[in-house]
Amino acid sequence: VNEVNNAEDPAVWPGDVWSFATSAFLPVDDMESYNDDDNRIYDAWLDGLADTAKGGSQVGYDVSPFAEKGIFHGGTQSMPLRYDNSAAGFSEATRTFETPQDWTQFGVKALVIWFYGDPGNTTAQMYVMVNNSKVVYDGDAANLQLKPWQMWYVDLAGFSGVNLKKVTDLTIGIEGGTGVVYIDDIGFGRPLP
């Protein structure tokens, strides 16, 4: 960055070289805003413990810290989503937005969800719903048993009949099996190259 002052001699003073980066995705929920006091992760993400219509899911832990502090993709914490589908057959966690979100801004075309599995998980089918329109995970179901962080790229066009200018809720669900999956850095962005 150079300073320019035409009233001085020399008129241009060379400055330090600056660098910056821009994010590839706009955040929907990066899990960083939750704490153990007045903004608990399980208060924002409704699970099966709070609503039996959400099946056998549990968001967060039984005791503080409620968010996962050791396994995270970005920042310092992620959302543990436990699923036990032995009774209901499915487990869901739903985030409802007080003010509907516009997911058509800035040319975004996809929802991106980062997840991290566990080798102890049993095979299951993950899905995501936006305003009750469901898109099934198109990767290998065994990916829920893998520890590295994995990016799930969901084309927004797959949410049929949804007014993406008025997104009111986002649900992450799992059908079948038992285990835990960690969710972090949910956002939306442009198409992959």
Protein backbone atom coordinates (compact mmCIF):
# COMPACT_ATOMS: atom_id res chain seq x y z
CA VAL A 1 0.00 0.00 0.00
CA ASN A 2 1.48 3.31 -1.04
CA GLU A 3 0.66 6.67 0.49
CA VAL A 4 0.00 9.40 -2.10
CA ASN A 5 0.31 13.09 -1.26
CA ASN A 6 0.81 15.38 -4.27
CA ALA A 7 1.66 18.31 -1.98
CA GLU A 8 4.89 16.60 -0.86
CA ASP A 9 8.09 15.57 -2.60
CA PRO A 10 8.22 12.66 -3.20
CA ALA A 11 4.49 12.42 -3.88
CA VAL A 12 4.34 8.65 -3.35
CA TRP A 13 5.67 6.92 -0.25
CA PRO A 14 5.96 3.14 -0.57
CA GLY A 15 4.37 1.23 2.28
CA ASP A 16 4.30 -2.32 3.54
CA VAL A 17 2.90 -5.15 1.47
CA TRP A 18 -0.51 -6.22 2.79
CA SER A 19 -2.24 -9.49 2.21
CA PHE A 20 -5.79 -10.66 2.75
CA ALA A 21 -8.06 -13.52 1.84
CA THR A 22 -11.74 -13.76 1.08
CA SER A 23 -14.00 -16.55 2.17
CA ALA A 24 -15.22 -19.00 -0.46
CA PHE A 25 -18.52 -19.37 1.40
CA LEU A 26 -20.98 -17.16 3.24
CA PRO A 27 -21.81 -18.53 6.69
CA VAL A 28 -25.19 -19.92 7.65
CA ASP A 29 -23.95 -21.37 10.95
CA ASP A 30 -20.29 -21.82 11.86
CA MET A 31 -21.16 -23.02 15.41
CA GLU A 32 -18.98 -20.31 16.99
CA SER A 33 -21.77 -18.22 18.53
CA TYR A 34 -22.88 -20.89 21.02
CA ASN A 35 -21.83 -20.88 24.65
CA ASP A 36 -22.70 -22.80 27.81
CA ASP A 37 -24.84 -20.07 29.36
CA ASP A 38 -27.49 -18.12 27.47
CA ASN A 39 -26.96 -19.38 23.90
CA ARG A 40 -26.60 -23.16 24.08
CA ILE A 41 -26.20 -25.13 20.86
CA TYR A 42 -29.19 -27.39 21.65
CA ASP A 43 -31.41 -24.32 22.11
CA ALA A 44 -30.70 -23.20 18.53
CA TRP A 45 -30.78 -26.68 16.97
CA LEU A 46 -33.96 -28.53 18.00
CA ASP A 47 -33.36 -32.26 18.53
CA GLY A 48 -35.26 -35.40 19.52
CA LEU A 49 -34.79 -34.74 23.23
CA ALA A 50 -36.75 -31.49 22.93
CA ASP A 51 -39.23 -32.67 20.27
CA THR A 52 -40.02 -36.35 19.71
CA ALA A 53 -40.94 -35.51 16.11
CA LYS A 54 -37.17 -35.16 15.54
CA GLY A 55 -36.63 -38.88 16.22
CA GLY A 56 -33.62 -40.25 18.08
CA SER A 57 -31.31 -37.25 17.84
CA GLN A 58 -29.34 -35.36 20.45
CA VAL A 59 -27.53 -32.11 19.74
CA GLY A 60 -24.69 -31.28 22.12
CA TYR A 61 -23.51 -33.02 25.23
CA ASP A 62 -25.30 -33.73 28.52
CA VAL A 63 -22.92 -31.51 30.51
CA SER A 64 -20.90 -28.38 29.77
CA PRO A 65 -19.23 -27.76 27.38
CA PHE A 66 -22.28 -28.56 25.26
CA ALA A 67 -20.55 -27.98 21.89
CA GLU A 68 -17.58 -30.11 20.79
CA LYS A 69 -14.32 -28.27 21.58
CA GLY A 70 -11.74 -30.81 20.36
CA ILE A 71 -13.07 -31.74 16.91
CA PHE A 72 -13.84 -28.76 14.70
CA HIS A 73 -13.36 -27.68 11.10
CA GLY A 74 -13.03 -23.94 11.58
CA GLY A 75 -12.98 -21.78 14.67
CA THR A 76 -12.98 -23.57 18.02
CA GLN A 77 -16.07 -25.79 18.19
CA SER A 78 -18.52 -27.94 16.23
CA MET A 79 -21.96 -29.45 16.75
CA PRO A 80 -22.04 -33.08 17.92
CA LEU A 81 -25.14 -34.75 16.49
CA ARG A 82 -25.84 -38.12 18.08
CA TYR A 83 -28.27 -40.40 16.31
CA ASP A 84 -30.01 -43.53 17.53
CA ASN A 85 -32.49 -44.73 14.97
CA SER A 86 -33.40 -48.02 16.64
CA ALA A 87 -36.90 -46.75 17.56
CA ALA A 88 -37.94 -43.89 15.25
CA GLY A 89 -35.79 -44.85 12.26
CA PHE A 90 -34.50 -41.29 11.84
CA SER A 91 -32.79 -38.49 13.76
CA GLU A 92 -33.01 -34.79 12.94
CA ALA A 93 -31.63 -31.47 14.18
CA THR A 94 -33.43 -28.34 12.97
CA ARG A 95 -32.34 -24.72 13.05
CA THR A 96 -35.22 -22.27 12.61
CA PHE A 97 -34.35 -18.73 11.51
CA GLU A 98 -36.27 -15.96 13.28
CA THR A 99 -35.97 -13.81 10.18
CA PRO A 100 -36.22 -15.73 6.88
CA GLN A 101 -32.91 -15.84 5.03
CA ASP A 102 -32.38 -14.97 1.37
CA TRP A 103 -30.18 -17.67 -0.16
CA THR A 104 -30.25 -16.14 -3.65
CA GLN A 105 -27.89 -13.26 -2.88
CA PHE A 106 -24.46 -12.84 -4.43
CA GLY A 107 -24.97 -15.59 -7.01
CA VAL A 108 -24.76 -18.43 -4.51
CA LYS A 109 -25.69 -21.81 -5.92
CA ALA A 110 -24.94 -24.32 -3.17
CA LEU A 111 -25.27 -25.15 0.48
CA VAL A 112 -22.03 -26.49 1.97
CA ILE A 113 -21.94 -28.64 5.10
CA TRP A 114 -18.72 -29.91 6.67
CA PHE A 115 -19.03 -33.17 8.62
CA TYR A 116 -16.75 -35.53 10.50
CA GLY A 117 -17.67 -39.14 11.21
CA ASP A 118 -16.61 -41.79 13.67
CA PRO A 119 -15.40 -45.36 12.95
CA GLY A 120 -17.86 -46.63 15.61
CA ASN A 121 -20.86 -45.35 13.66
CA THR A 122 -23.10 -47.85 11.91
CA THR A 123 -23.98 -47.26 8.28
CA ALA A 124 -26.68 -44.64 7.85
CA GLN A 125 -28.09 -42.22 5.26
CA MET A 126 -27.55 -38.50 5.88
CA TYR A 127 -29.86 -35.87 4.41
CA VAL A 128 -30.56 -32.15 4.61
CA MET A 129 -33.90 -30.36 4.38
CA VAL A 130 -34.58 -26.71 3.64
CA ASN A 131 -38.16 -25.62 4.35
CA ASN A 132 -39.11 -29.34 4.37
CA SER A 133 -37.62 -30.10 0.94
CA LYS A 134 -35.21 -33.03 1.32
CA VAL A 135 -31.92 -33.75 -0.45
CA VAL A 136 -30.15 -37.03 0.32
CA TYR A 137 -26.36 -37.19 0.76
CA ASP A 138 -24.96 -38.39 -2.57
CA GLY A 139 -21.66 -39.71 -1.21
CA ASP A 140 -20.86 -43.15 0.15
CA ALA A 141 -22.87 -43.91 3.33
CA ALA A 142 -19.64 -45.28 4.86
CA ASN A 143 -18.32 -41.67 4.90
CA LEU A 144 -20.16 -41.22 8.20
CA GLN A 145 -17.55 -43.61 9.62
CA LEU A 146 -14.56 -41.53 8.45
CA LYS A 147 -12.71 -39.12 10.70
CA PRO A 148 -11.36 -36.53 8.26
CA TRP A 149 -13.54 -33.47 7.71
CA GLN A 150 -15.56 -33.90 4.54
CA MET A 151 -17.37 -31.27 2.53
CA TRP A 152 -20.90 -31.98 1.37
CA TYR A 153 -21.77 -29.71 -1.55
CA VAL A 154 -25.54 -29.48 -2.03
CA ASP A 155 -26.82 -27.79 -5.19
CA LEU A 156 -29.59 -25.38 -4.13
CA ALA A 157 -31.56 -26.35 -7.25
CA GLY A 158 -32.15 -29.73 -5.57
CA PHE A 159 -34.53 -28.18 -3.04
CA SER A 160 -37.63 -28.43 -5.21
CA GLY A 161 -40.48 -26.03 -4.58
CA VAL A 162 -38.53 -23.98 -2.01
CA ASN A 163 -38.57 -20.20 -2.17
CA LEU A 164 -34.86 -19.64 -1.54
CA LYS A 165 -35.55 -15.95 -0.86
CA LYS A 166 -37.41 -17.02 2.30
CA VAL A 167 -35.53 -19.86 3.98
CA THR A 168 -37.07 -20.40 7.40
CA ASP A 169 -35.49 -23.65 8.55
CA LEU A 170 -32.59 -26.00 7.94
CA THR A 171 -32.61 -29.64 9.06
CA ILE A 172 -29.78 -32.15 9.11
CA GLY A 173 -31.01 -35.70 9.42
CA ILE A 174 -29.83 -39.29 9.48
CA GLU A 175 -31.87 -42.39 8.65
CA GLY A 176 -30.89 -45.75 10.12
CA GLY A 177 -27.96 -46.72 12.32
CA THR A 178 -26.51 -45.26 15.48
CA GLY A 179 -23.54 -43.04 16.20
CA VAL A 180 -22.34 -39.46 16.25
CA VAL A 181 -21.42 -37.07 13.47
CA TYR A 182 -19.87 -33.64 13.96
CA ILE A 183 -21.18 -30.70 11.92
CA ASP A 184 -19.36 -27.41 11.33
CA ASP A 185 -19.08 -24.50 8.92
CA ILE A 186 -22.48 -24.60 7.24
CA GLY A 187 -22.53 -21.98 4.52
CA PHE A 188 -23.44 -21.27 0.95
CA GLY A 189 -21.38 -20.35 -2.03
CA ARG A 190 -20.82 -20.46 -5.75
CA PRO A 191 -20.49 -23.61 -7.88
CA LEU A 192 -17.33 -25.67 -7.52
CA PRO A 193 -14.83 -25.22 -10.38
